[in-house]
PDB file of N, CA and C in Angstrom:
ATOM      1  N   MET A   1     107.989-113.736 -43.700  1.00  0.00           N
ATOM      2  CA  MET A   1     106.985-114.403 -42.946  1.00  0.00           C
ATOM      3  C   MET A   1     107.326-113.858 -41.372  1.00  0.00           C
ATOM      4  N   LEU A   2     106.288-113.682 -40.681  1.00  0.00           N
ATOM      5  CA  LEU A   2     106.443-113.148 -39.346  1.00  0.00           C
ATOM      6  C   LEU A   2     106.216-114.200 -38.283  1.00  0.00           C
ATOM      7  N   PHE A   3     106.987-114.074 -37.210  1.00  0.00           N
ATOM      8  CA  PHE A   3     106.704-115.006 -35.969  1.00  0.00           C
ATOM      9  C   PHE A   3     105.943-114.143 -34.993  1.00  0.00           C
ATOM     10  N   LYS A   4     104.925-114.734 -34.301  1.00  0.00           N
ATOM     11  CA  LYS A   4     104.368-113.982 -33.263  1.00  0.00           C
ATOM     12  C   LYS A   4     104.424-114.784 -32.028  1.00  0.00           C
ATOM     13  N   PHE A   5     105.110-114.185 -30.966  1.00  0.00           N
ATOM     14  CA  PHE A   5     105.291-114.948 -29.743  1.00  0.00           C
ATOM     15  C   PHE A   5     104.241-114.332 -28.726  1.00  0.00           C
ATOM     16  N   LYS A   6     103.561-115.292 -28.055  1.00  0.00           N
ATOM     17  CA  LYS A   6     102.487-114.797 -27.160  1.00  0.00           C
ATOM     18  C   LYS A   6     102.594-115.497 -25.802  1.00  0.00           C
ATOM     19  N   SER A   7     102.134-114.709 -24.914  1.00  0.00           N
ATOM     20  CA  SER A   7     102.119-115.146 -23.500  1.00  0.00           C
ATOM     21  C   SER A   7     100.926-114.395 -22.708  1.00  0.00           C
ATOM     22  N   LYS A   8     100.485-114.984 -21.648  1.00  0.00           N
ATOM     23  CA  LYS A   8      99.572-114.314 -20.809  1.00  0.00           C
ATOM     24  C   LYS A   8     100.062-113.184 -20.048  1.00  0.00           C
ATOM     25  N   ALA A   9     101.443-113.277 -19.890  1.00  0.00           N
ATOM     26  CA  ALA A   9     102.208-112.412 -19.057  1.00  0.00           C
ATOM     27  C   ALA A   9     102.572-111.041 -19.806  1.00  0.00           C
ATOM     28  N   THR A  10     102.633-111.076 -21.189  1.00  0.00           N
ATOM     29  CA  THR A  10     103.205-109.936 -21.931  1.00  0.00           C
ATOM     30  C   THR A  10     102.329-109.678 -23.096  1.00  0.00           C
ATOM     31  N   SER A  11     102.662-108.525 -23.904  1.00  0.00           N
ATOM     32  CA  SER A  11     101.903-108.311 -25.125  1.00  0.00           C
ATOM     33  C   SER A  11     102.644-109.126 -26.166  1.00  0.00           C
ATOM     34  N   ASP A  12     102.032-109.351 -27.235  1.00  0.00           N
ATOM     35  CA  ASP A  12     102.560-110.013 -28.362  1.00  0.00           C
ATOM     36  C   ASP A  12     104.009-109.497 -28.838  1.00  0.00           C
ATOM     37  N   LEU A  13     104.811-110.351 -29.170  1.00  0.00           N
ATOM     38  CA  LEU A  13     106.199-109.933 -29.633  1.00  0.00           C
ATOM     39  C   LEU A  13     106.222-110.497 -31.095  1.00  0.00           C
ATOM     40  N   ILE A  14     106.340-109.614 -32.046  1.00  0.00           N
ATOM     41  CA  ILE A  14     106.266-110.048 -33.413  1.00  0.00           C
ATOM     42  C   ILE A  14     107.810-109.746 -34.043  1.00  0.00           C
ATOM     43  N   MET A  15     108.232-110.771 -34.792  1.00  0.00           N
ATOM     44  CA  MET A  15     109.676-110.729 -35.288  1.00  0.00           C
ATOM     45  C   MET A  15     109.584-111.237 -36.694  1.00  0.00           C
ATOM     46  N   LEU A  16     110.533-110.626 -37.508  1.00  0.00           N
ATOM     47  CA  LEU A  16     110.768-111.277 -38.715  1.00  0.00           C
ATOM     48  C   LEU A  16     111.393-112.706 -38.629  1.00  0.00           C
ATOM     49  N   GLU A  17     111.045-113.453 -39.751  1.00  0.00           N
ATOM     50  CA  GLU A  17     111.427-114.917 -39.600  1.00  0.00           C
ATOM     51  C   GLU A  17     112.906-115.182 -39.301  1.00  0.00           C
ATOM     52  N   THR A  18     113.709-114.399 -40.002  1.00  0.00           N
ATOM     53  CA  THR A  18     115.183-114.717 -39.810  1.00  0.00           C
ATOM     54  C   THR A  18     115.640-114.345 -38.368  1.00  0.00           C
ATOM     55  N   ASP A  19     115.236-113.311 -37.834  1.00  0.00           N
ATOM     56  CA  ASP A  19     115.539-112.938 -36.406  1.00  0.00           C
ATOM     57  C   ASP A  19     114.988-113.982 -35.451  1.00  0.00           C
ATOM     58  N   ALA A  20     113.731-114.242 -35.638  1.00  0.00           N
ATOM     59  CA  ALA A  20     113.099-115.298 -34.694  1.00  0.00           C
ATOM     60  C   ALA A  20     113.690-116.680 -34.811  1.00  0.00           C
ATOM     61  N   ARG A  21     114.008-117.127 -36.003  1.00  0.00           N
ATOM     62  CA  ARG A  21     114.607-118.450 -36.179  1.00  0.00           C
ATOM     63  C   ARG A  21     116.010-118.406 -35.470  1.00  0.00           C
ATOM     64  N   ALA A  22     116.727-117.327 -35.754  1.00  0.00           N
ATOM     65  CA  ALA A  22     118.084-117.200 -34.986  1.00  0.00           C
ATOM     66  C   ALA A  22     117.910-117.281 -33.362  1.00  0.00           C
ATOM     67  N   LEU A  23     117.080-116.492 -32.868  1.00  0.00           N
ATOM     68  CA  LEU A  23     116.952-116.663 -31.561  1.00  0.00           C
ATOM     69  C   LEU A  23     116.390-118.041 -30.919  1.00  0.00           C
ATOM     70  N   LEU A  24     115.448-118.526 -31.757  1.00  0.00           N
ATOM     71  CA  LEU A  24     115.003-119.805 -31.277  1.00  0.00           C
ATOM     72  C   LEU A  24     116.128-120.877 -31.411  1.00  0.00           C
ATOM     73  N   HIS A  25     116.878-120.857 -32.378  1.00  0.00           N
ATOM     74  CA  HIS A  25     118.040-121.702 -32.474  1.00  0.00           C
ATOM     75  C   HIS A  25     119.017-121.531 -31.220  1.00  0.00           C
ATOM     76  N   MET A  26     119.151-120.253 -30.926  1.00  0.00           N
ATOM     77  CA  MET A  26     120.126-119.990 -29.688  1.00  0.00           C
ATOM     78  C   MET A  26     119.326-120.475 -28.378  1.00  0.00           C
ATOM     79  N   MET A  27     118.067-120.415 -28.286  1.00  0.00           N
ATOM     80  CA  MET A  27     117.367-120.821 -27.016  1.00  0.00           C
ATOM     81  C   MET A  27     117.190-122.269 -26.927  1.00  0.00           C
ATOM     82  N   LEU A  28     116.712-122.852 -28.137  1.00  0.00           N
ATOM     83  CA  LEU A  28     116.281-124.197 -28.080  1.00  0.00           C
ATOM     84  C   LEU A  28     117.085-125.275 -28.844  1.00  0.00           C
ATOM     85  N   GLY A  29     118.046-124.701 -29.575  1.00  0.00           N
ATOM     86  CA  GLY A  29     118.905-125.718 -30.504  1.00  0.00           C
ATOM     87  C   GLY A  29     118.221-126.045 -31.815  1.00  0.00           C
ATOM     88  N   ASN A  30     116.920-125.552 -31.908  1.00  0.00           N
ATOM     89  CA  ASN A  30     116.184-125.786 -33.140  1.00  0.00           C
ATOM     90  C   ASN A  30     115.385-124.465 -33.382  1.00  0.00           C
ATOM     91  N   ASP A  31     114.591-124.484 -34.562  1.00  0.00           N
ATOM     92  CA  ASP A  31     113.801-123.371 -34.686  1.00  0.00           C
ATOM     93  C   ASP A  31     112.486-123.811 -35.447  1.00  0.00           C
ATOM     94  N   PRO A  32     111.649-124.380 -34.564  1.00  0.00           N
ATOM     95  CA  PRO A  32     110.344-124.812 -35.199  1.00  0.00           C
ATOM     96  C   PRO A  32     109.360-123.720 -35.424  1.00  0.00           C
ATOM     97  N   VAL A  33     108.541-123.740 -36.453  1.00  0.00           N
ATOM     98  CA  VAL A  33     107.603-122.675 -36.882  1.00  0.00           C
ATOM     99  C   VAL A  33     106.570-122.542 -35.771  1.00  0.00           C
ATOM    100  N   LYS A  34     106.214-123.502 -35.076  1.00  0.00           N
ATOM    101  CA  LYS A  34     105.203-123.346 -34.036  1.00  0.00           C
ATOM    102  C   LYS A  34     105.851-124.094 -32.740  1.00  0.00           C
ATOM    103  N   GLY A  35     105.485-123.567 -31.634  1.00  0.00           N
ATOM    104  CA  GLY A  35     105.961-124.242 -30.404  1.00  0.00           C
ATOM    105  C   GLY A  35     105.786-123.564 -29.214  1.00  0.00           C
ATOM    106  N   ILE A  36     106.213-124.019 -28.106  1.00  0.00           N
ATOM    107  CA  ILE A  36     105.857-123.605 -26.746  1.00  0.00           C
ATOM    108  C   ILE A  36     107.209-123.868 -25.960  1.00  0.00           C
ATOM    109  N   VAL A  37     107.447-122.814 -25.033  1.00  0.00           N
ATOM    110  CA  VAL A  37     108.486-122.986 -24.000  1.00  0.00           C
ATOM    111  C   VAL A  37     107.690-122.923 -22.748  1.00  0.00           C
ATOM    112  N   LEU A  38     107.601-124.012 -22.088  1.00  0.00           N
ATOM    113  CA  LEU A  38     106.994-124.168 -20.703  1.00  0.00           C
ATOM    114  C   LEU A  38     107.644-123.433 -19.777  1.00  0.00           C
ATOM    115  N   VAL A  39     106.843-122.879 -18.795  1.00  0.00           N
ATOM    116  CA  VAL A  39     107.546-122.008 -17.681  1.00  0.00           C
ATOM    117  C   VAL A  39     108.733-122.776 -16.919  1.00  0.00           C
ATOM    118  N   GLN A  40     108.624-123.976 -16.829  1.00  0.00           N
ATOM    119  CA  GLN A  40     109.728-124.715 -16.191  1.00  0.00           C
ATOM    120  C   GLN A  40     111.004-124.758 -17.113  1.00  0.00           C
ATOM    121  N   ASP A  41     110.844-124.472 -18.315  1.00  0.00           N
ATOM    122  CA  ASP A  41     112.037-124.564 -19.289  1.00  0.00           C
ATOM    123  C   ASP A  41     112.509-123.215 -19.553  1.00  0.00           C
ATOM    124  N   ILE A  42     111.894-122.201 -19.096  1.00  0.00           N
ATOM    125  CA  ILE A  42     112.333-120.769 -19.367  1.00  0.00           C
ATOM    126  C   ILE A  42     113.660-120.440 -18.846  1.00  0.00           C
ATOM    127  N   PRO A  43     113.960-120.938 -17.538  1.00  0.00           N
ATOM    128  CA  PRO A  43     115.386-120.532 -17.076  1.00  0.00           C
ATOM    129  C   PRO A  43     116.497-121.114 -17.997  1.00  0.00           C
ATOM    130  N   ALA A  44     116.346-122.305 -18.441  1.00  0.00           N
ATOM    131  CA  ALA A  44     117.326-122.951 -19.191  1.00  0.00           C
ATOM    132  C   ALA A  44     117.433-122.157 -20.654  1.00  0.00           C
ATOM    133  N   ALA A  45     116.195-121.737 -21.241  1.00  0.00           N
ATOM    134  CA  ALA A  45     116.208-121.032 -22.488  1.00  0.00           C
ATOM    135  C   ALA A  45     116.899-119.679 -22.325  1.00  0.00           C
ATOM    136  N   ILE A  46     116.602-119.019 -21.077  1.00  0.00           N
ATOM    137  CA  ILE A  46     117.392-117.775 -20.882  1.00  0.00           C
ATOM    138  C   ILE A  46     118.842-117.930 -20.761  1.00  0.00           C
ATOM    139  N   ALA A  47     119.254-118.995 -20.065  1.00  0.00           N
ATOM    140  CA  ALA A  47     120.739-119.215 -19.883  1.00  0.00           C
ATOM    141  C   ALA A  47     121.311-119.607 -21.216  1.00  0.00           C
ATOM    142  N   ARG A  48     120.761-120.303 -22.067  1.00  0.00           N
ATOM    143  CA  ARG A  48     121.316-120.692 -23.393  1.00  0.00           C
ATOM    144  C   ARG A  48     121.423-119.406 -24.296  1.00  0.00           C
ATOM    145  N   LEU A  49     120.285-118.520 -24.187  1.00  0.00           N
ATOM    146  CA  LEU A  49     120.308-117.326 -24.943  1.00  0.00           C
ATOM    147  C   LEU A  49     121.454-116.538 -24.459  1.00  0.00           C
ATOM    148  N   GLU A  50     121.587-116.205 -23.174  1.00  0.00           N
ATOM    149  CA  GLU A  50     122.581-115.337 -22.679  1.00  0.00           C
ATOM    150  C   GLU A  50     123.953-115.915 -22.999  1.00  0.00           C
ATOM    151  N   SER A  51     124.241-117.189 -22.954  1.00  0.00           N
ATOM    152  CA  SER A  51     125.472-117.870 -23.439  1.00  0.00           C
ATOM    153  C   SER A  51     125.752-117.570 -24.907  1.00  0.00           C
ATOM    154  N   ALA A  52     124.867-117.709 -25.681  1.00  0.00           N
ATOM    155  CA  ALA A  52     125.043-117.487 -27.165  1.00  0.00           C
ATOM    156  C   ALA A  52     125.318-116.084 -27.492  1.00  0.00           C
ATOM    157  N   LEU A  53     124.557-115.253 -26.753  1.00  0.00           N
ATOM    158  CA  LEU A  53     124.854-113.814 -26.945  1.00  0.00           C
ATOM    159  C   LEU A  53     126.261-113.459 -26.467  1.00  0.00           C
ATOM    160  N   ALA A  54     126.769-113.980 -25.487  1.00  0.00           N
ATOM    161  CA  ALA A  54     128.062-113.699 -24.882  1.00  0.00           C
ATOM    162  C   ALA A  54     129.100-114.222 -25.907  1.00  0.00           C
ATOM    163  N   GLN A  55     128.790-115.424 -26.550  1.00  0.00           N
ATOM    164  CA  GLN A  55     129.737-115.877 -27.544  1.00  0.00           C
ATOM    165  C   GLN A  55     129.811-114.851 -28.745  1.00  0.00           C
ATOM    166  N   GLU A  56     128.633-114.501 -29.112  1.00  0.00           N
ATOM    167  CA  GLU A  56     128.616-113.522 -30.245  1.00  0.00           C
ATOM    168  C   GLU A  56     129.341-112.258 -29.973  1.00  0.00           C
ATOM    169  N   ALA A  57     129.231-111.727 -28.757  1.00  0.00           N
ATOM    170  CA  ALA A  57     129.943-110.518 -28.338  1.00  0.00           C
ATOM    171  C   ALA A  57     131.470-110.814 -28.431  1.00  0.00           C
ATOM    172  N   ALA A  58     131.850-111.982 -27.959  1.00  0.00           N
ATOM    173  CA  ALA A  58     133.379-112.300 -28.059  1.00  0.00           C
ATOM    174  C   ALA A  58     133.828-112.323 -29.366  1.00  0.00           C
ATOM    175  N   LYS A  59     132.987-113.071 -30.242  1.00  0.00           N
ATOM    176  CA  LYS A  59     133.370-112.921 -31.770  1.00  0.00           C
ATOM    177  C   LYS A  59     133.486-111.619 -32.259  1.00  0.00           C
ATOM    178  N   ARG A  60     132.566-110.672 -31.873  1.00  0.00           N
ATOM    179  CA  ARG A  60     132.500-109.348 -32.456  1.00  0.00           C
ATOM    180  C   ARG A  60     133.847-108.539 -31.753  1.00  0.00           C
ATOM    181  N   GLN A  61     134.271-108.773 -30.671  1.00  0.00           N
ATOM    182  CA  GLN A  61     135.423-108.291 -30.075  1.00  0.00           C
ATOM    183  C   GLN A  61     136.635-108.758 -30.739  1.00  0.00           C
ATOM    184  N   GLU A  62     136.842-110.114 -31.033  1.00  0.00           N
ATOM    185  CA  GLU A  62     137.944-110.580 -31.643  1.00  0.00           C
ATOM    186  C   GLU A  62     137.917-109.926 -33.131  1.00  0.00           C
ATOM    187  N   HIS A  63     136.966-109.709 -33.831  1.00  0.00           N
ATOM    188  CA  HIS A  63     136.864-109.051 -35.206  1.00  0.00           C
ATOM    189  C   HIS A  63     137.341-107.620 -35.060  1.00  0.00           C
ATOM    190  N   LYS A  64     136.948-107.020 -33.928  1.00  0.00           N
ATOM    191  CA  LYS A  64     137.348-105.650 -33.634  1.00  0.00           C
ATOM    192  C   LYS A  64     138.891-105.439 -33.650  1.00  0.00           C
ATOM    193  N   GLN A  65     139.402-106.427 -32.620  1.00  0.00           N
ATOM    194  CA  GLN A  65     140.855-106.391 -32.484  1.00  0.00           C
ATOM    195  C   GLN A  65     141.524-106.758 -33.736  1.00  0.00           C
ATOM    196  N   ALA A  66     141.129-107.758 -34.447  1.00  0.00           N
ATOM    197  CA  ALA A  66     141.866-108.202 -35.759  1.00  0.00           C
ATOM    198  C   ALA A  66     141.761-107.023 -36.871  1.00  0.00           C
ATOM    199  N   ALA A  67     140.636-106.356 -36.796  1.00  0.00           N
ATOM    200  CA  ALA A  67     140.492-105.064 -37.745  1.00  0.00           C
ATOM    201  C   ALA A  67     141.549-104.018 -37.299  1.00  0.00           C
ATOM    202  N   GLY A  68     141.681-103.773 -35.977  1.00  0.00           N
ATOM    203  CA  GLY A  68     142.691-102.863 -35.512  1.00  0.00           C
ATOM    204  C   GLY A  68     144.113-103.216 -35.931  1.00  0.00           C
ATOM    205  N   ALA A  69     144.529-104.547 -35.713  1.00  0.00           N
ATOM    206  CA  ALA A  69     145.753-105.007 -35.994  1.00  0.00           C
ATOM    207  C   ALA A  69     146.113-105.037 -37.397  1.00  0.00           C
ATOM    208  N   SER A  70     145.118-105.129 -38.296  1.00  0.00           N
ATOM    209  CA  SER A  70     145.398-105.098 -39.747  1.00  0.00           C
ATOM    210  C   SER A  70     145.466-103.724 -40.313  1.00  0.00           C
ATOM    211  N   GLY A  71     145.241-102.707 -39.461  1.00  0.00           N
ATOM    212  CA  GLY A  71     145.170-101.325 -39.979  1.00  0.00           C
ATOM    213  C   GLY A  71     143.922-100.860 -40.466  1.00  0.00           C
ATOM    214  N   LYS A  72     142.964-101.813 -40.683  1.00  0.00           N
ATOM    215  CA  LYS A  72     141.593-101.402 -41.292  1.00  0.00           C
ATOM    216  C   LYS A  72     140.839-101.069 -40.017  1.00  0.00           C
ATOM    217  N   GLY A  73     140.248 -99.723 -40.118  1.00  0.00           N
ATOM    218  CA  GLY A  73     139.442 -99.214 -39.119  1.00  0.00           C
ATOM    219  C   GLY A  73     138.177-100.024 -38.769  1.00  0.00           C
ATOM    220  N   PHE A  74     137.946-100.419 -37.427  1.00  0.00           N
ATOM    221  CA  PHE A  74     136.708-101.080 -37.109  1.00  0.00           C
ATOM    222  C   PHE A  74     135.526-100.201 -37.296  1.00  0.00           C
ATOM    223  N   LEU A  75     135.661 -98.904 -37.226  1.00  0.00           N
ATOM    224  CA  LEU A  75     134.526 -98.023 -37.453  1.00  0.00           C
ATOM    225  C   LEU A  75     134.009 -98.074 -38.819  1.00  0.00           C
ATOM    226  N   ASP A  76     134.851 -98.417 -39.830  1.00  0.00           N
ATOM    227  CA  ASP A  76     134.310 -98.593 -41.138  1.00  0.00           C
ATOM    228  C   ASP A  76     133.416 -99.807 -41.213  1.00  0.00           C
ATOM    229  N   ASP A  77     133.868-100.909 -40.543  1.00  0.00           N
ATOM    230  CA  ASP A  77     132.965-102.053 -40.569  1.00  0.00           C
ATOM    231  C   ASP A  77     131.671-101.655 -39.791  1.00  0.00           C
ATOM    232  N   GLU A  78     131.616-100.888 -38.755  1.00  0.00           N
ATOM    233  CA  GLU A  78     130.432-100.521 -37.978  1.00  0.00           C
ATOM    234  C   GLU A  78     129.415 -99.798 -38.840  1.00  0.00           C
ATOM    235  N   LYS A  79     129.886 -98.993 -39.738  1.00  0.00           N
ATOM    236  CA  LYS A  79     129.083 -98.164 -40.545  1.00  0.00           C
ATOM    237  C   LYS A  79     128.171 -98.988 -41.491  1.00  0.00           C
ATOM    238  N   ASP A  80     128.732-100.207 -41.985  1.00  0.00           N
ATOM    239  CA  ASP A  80     128.109-101.103 -42.690  1.00  0.00           C
ATOM    240  C   ASP A  80     127.378-102.156 -41.959  1.00  0.00           C
ATOM    241  N   ALA A  81     127.512-102.231 -40.690  1.00  0.00           N
ATOM    242  CA  ALA A  81     127.065-103.351 -39.952  1.00  0.00           C
ATOM    243  C   ALA A  81     125.496-103.352 -39.861  1.00  0.00           C
ATOM    244  N   LYS A  82     124.926-104.515 -39.737  1.00  0.00           N
ATOM    245  CA  LYS A  82     123.439-104.629 -39.549  1.00  0.00           C
ATOM    246  C   LYS A  82     123.227-104.519 -38.027  1.00  0.00           C
ATOM    247  N   VAL A  83     121.886-104.488 -37.706  1.00  0.00           N
ATOM    248  CA  VAL A  83     121.475-104.434 -36.230  1.00  0.00           C
ATOM    249  C   VAL A  83     121.989-105.795 -35.612  1.00  0.00           C
ATOM    250  N   GLN A  84     122.776-105.753 -34.578  1.00  0.00           N
ATOM    251  CA  GLN A  84     123.265-106.878 -33.903  1.00  0.00           C
ATOM    252  C   GLN A  84     122.203-107.729 -33.297  1.00  0.00           C
ATOM    253  N   ILE A  85     122.534-109.041 -33.265  1.00  0.00           N
ATOM    254  CA  ILE A  85     121.609-110.002 -32.729  1.00  0.00           C
ATOM    255  C   ILE A  85     121.321-109.725 -31.314  1.00  0.00           C
ATOM    256  N   SER A  86     122.218-109.198 -30.633  1.00  0.00           N
ATOM    257  CA  SER A  86     121.963-108.848 -29.150  1.00  0.00           C
ATOM    258  C   SER A  86     120.878-107.747 -29.010  1.00  0.00           C
ATOM    259  N   GLN A  87     120.843-106.902 -30.048  1.00  0.00           N
ATOM    260  CA  GLN A  87     119.745-105.873 -30.059  1.00  0.00           C
ATOM    261  C   GLN A  87     118.409-106.545 -30.327  1.00  0.00           C
ATOM    262  N   ARG A  88     118.347-107.568 -31.316  1.00  0.00           N
ATOM    263  CA  ARG A  88     117.101-108.208 -31.574  1.00  0.00           C
ATOM    264  C   ARG A  88     116.713-109.057 -30.458  1.00  0.00           C
ATOM    265  N   ALA A  89     117.653-109.553 -29.655  1.00  0.00           N
ATOM    266  CA  ALA A  89     117.370-110.439 -28.451  1.00  0.00           C
ATOM    267  C   ALA A  89     116.772-109.778 -27.335  1.00  0.00           C
ATOM    268  N   ALA A  90     117.066-108.429 -27.230  1.00  0.00           N
ATOM    269  CA  ALA A  90     116.552-107.670 -26.012  1.00  0.00           C
ATOM    270  C   ALA A  90     115.152-107.856 -25.721  1.00  0.00           C
ATOM    271  N   PRO A  91     114.151-107.725 -26.736  1.00  0.00           N
ATOM    272  CA  PRO A  91     112.725-107.916 -26.445  1.00  0.00           C
ATOM    273  C   PRO A  91     112.469-109.284 -26.062  1.00  0.00           C
ATOM    274  N   MET A  92     113.126-110.154 -26.651  1.00  0.00           N
ATOM    275  CA  MET A  92     112.858-111.652 -26.335  1.00  0.00           C
ATOM    276  C   MET A  92     113.318-111.915 -24.811  1.00  0.00           C
ATOM    277  N   MET A  93     114.491-111.439 -24.491  1.00  0.00           N
ATOM    278  CA  MET A  93     114.957-111.673 -23.161  1.00  0.00           C
ATOM    279  C   MET A  93     113.983-111.106 -22.109  1.00  0.00           C
ATOM    280  N   LYS A  94     113.455-109.869 -22.382  1.00  0.00           N
ATOM    281  CA  LYS A  94     112.540-109.203 -21.476  1.00  0.00           C
ATOM    282  C   LYS A  94     111.238-110.015 -21.413  1.00  0.00           C
ATOM    283  N   THR A  95     110.816-110.628 -22.589  1.00  0.00           N
ATOM    284  CA  THR A  95     109.588-111.336 -22.626  1.00  0.00           C
ATOM    285  C   THR A  95     109.724-112.692 -21.724  1.00  0.00           C
ATOM    286  N   LEU A  96     110.897-113.244 -22.002  1.00  0.00           N
ATOM    287  CA  LEU A  96     111.183-114.541 -21.251  1.00  0.00           C
ATOM    288  C   LEU A  96     111.256-114.286 -19.705  1.00  0.00           C
ATOM    289  N   LYS A  97     111.893-113.235 -19.266  1.00  0.00           N
ATOM    290  CA  LYS A  97     111.936-112.971 -17.976  1.00  0.00           C
ATOM    291  C   LYS A  97     110.623-112.606 -17.317  1.00  0.00           C
ATOM    292  N   ARG A  98     109.757-111.939 -17.978  1.00  0.00           N
ATOM    293  CA  ARG A  98     108.435-111.512 -17.611  1.00  0.00           C
ATOM    294  C   ARG A  98     107.618-112.795 -17.415  1.00  0.00           C
ATOM    295  N   CYS A  99     107.733-113.660 -18.437  1.00  0.00           N
ATOM    296  CA  CYS A  99     107.000-114.900 -18.368  1.00  0.00           C
ATOM    297  C   CYS A  99     107.470-115.759 -17.227  1.00  0.00           C
ATOM    298  N   LEU A 100     108.628-115.817 -16.839  1.00  0.00           N
ATOM    299  CA  LEU A 100     109.183-116.454 -15.761  1.00  0.00           C
ATOM    300  C   LEU A 100     108.677-115.901 -14.414  1.00  0.00           C
ATOM    301  N   ALA A 101     108.657-114.548 -14.341  1.00  0.00           N
ATOM    302  CA  ALA A 101     108.186-113.937 -13.117  1.00  0.00           C
ATOM    303  C   ALA A 101     106.635-114.111 -12.871  1.00  0.00           C
ATOM    304  N   GLU A 102     106.040-114.276 -13.925  1.00  0.00           N
ATOM    305  CA  GLU A 102     104.441-114.448 -13.742  1.00  0.00           C
ATOM    306  C   GLU A 102     104.058-115.874 -14.118  1.00  0.00           C
ATOM    307  N   GLN A 103     105.083-116.792 -14.120  1.00  0.00           N
ATOM    308  CA  GLN A 103     104.786-118.224 -14.290  1.00  0.00           C
ATOM    309  C   GLN A 103     103.829-118.486 -15.536  1.00  0.00           C
ATOM    310  N   SER A 104     104.269-117.996 -16.633  1.00  0.00           N
ATOM    311  CA  SER A 104     103.461-118.132 -17.857  1.00  0.00           C
ATOM    312  C   SER A 104     104.182-118.743 -19.009  1.00  0.00           C
ATOM    313  N   ASP A 105     103.745-119.617 -19.778  1.00  0.00           N
ATOM    314  CA  ASP A 105     104.362-120.247 -20.818  1.00  0.00           C
ATOM    315  C   ASP A 105     104.615-119.128 -22.130  1.00  0.00           C
ATOM    316  N   LEU A 106     105.463-119.521 -22.882  1.00  0.00           N
ATOM    317  CA  LEU A 106     105.557-118.668 -24.097  1.00  0.00           C
ATOM    318  C   LEU A 106     105.393-119.575 -25.289  1.00  0.00           C
ATOM    319  N   VAL A 107     104.375-119.120 -26.158  1.00  0.00           N
ATOM    320  CA  VAL A 107     104.009-119.966 -27.420  1.00  0.00           C
ATOM    321  C   VAL A 107     104.360-119.045 -28.633  1.00  0.00           C
ATOM    322  N   TRP A 108     104.448-119.662 -29.757  1.00  0.00           N
ATOM    323  CA  TRP A 108     104.700-118.861 -31.014  1.00  0.00           C
ATOM    324  C   TRP A 108     104.088-119.623 -32.197  1.00  0.00           C
ATOM    325  N   GLY A 109     103.882-118.930 -33.157  1.00  0.00           N
ATOM    326  CA  GLY A 109     103.498-119.416 -34.410  1.00  0.00           C
ATOM    327  C   GLY A 109     103.735-118.418 -35.596  1.00  0.00           C
ATOM    328  N   VAL A 110     103.293-118.760 -36.702  1.00  0.00           N
ATOM    329  CA  VAL A 110     103.381-117.764 -37.828  1.00  0.00           C
ATOM    330  C   VAL A 110     102.134-117.224 -38.335  1.00  0.00           C
TER     331      VAL A 110
END
């Protein structure tokens, strides 16, 4: 299933369900199939998303250090790694910031 995020300020942002639900959970604490982030709630959504991404980066750094300490190369893990959530979040962050700048709500559905 695909999620389509829409705003008057930006073009549509289309994401796979798993990525969209992960980002919505980070931003809102839940992951509704349909919804809206009002313009006055966008700064809080951005802050929660940035905080969650910082926590993910810290976990990744801890994993990297643990892999180095155990003698297993972190580069071996990186070869098998999927696209990081921070990479998936970049278009969403850009969309949220544009919505905030142009005072436009963000809505989504499937």
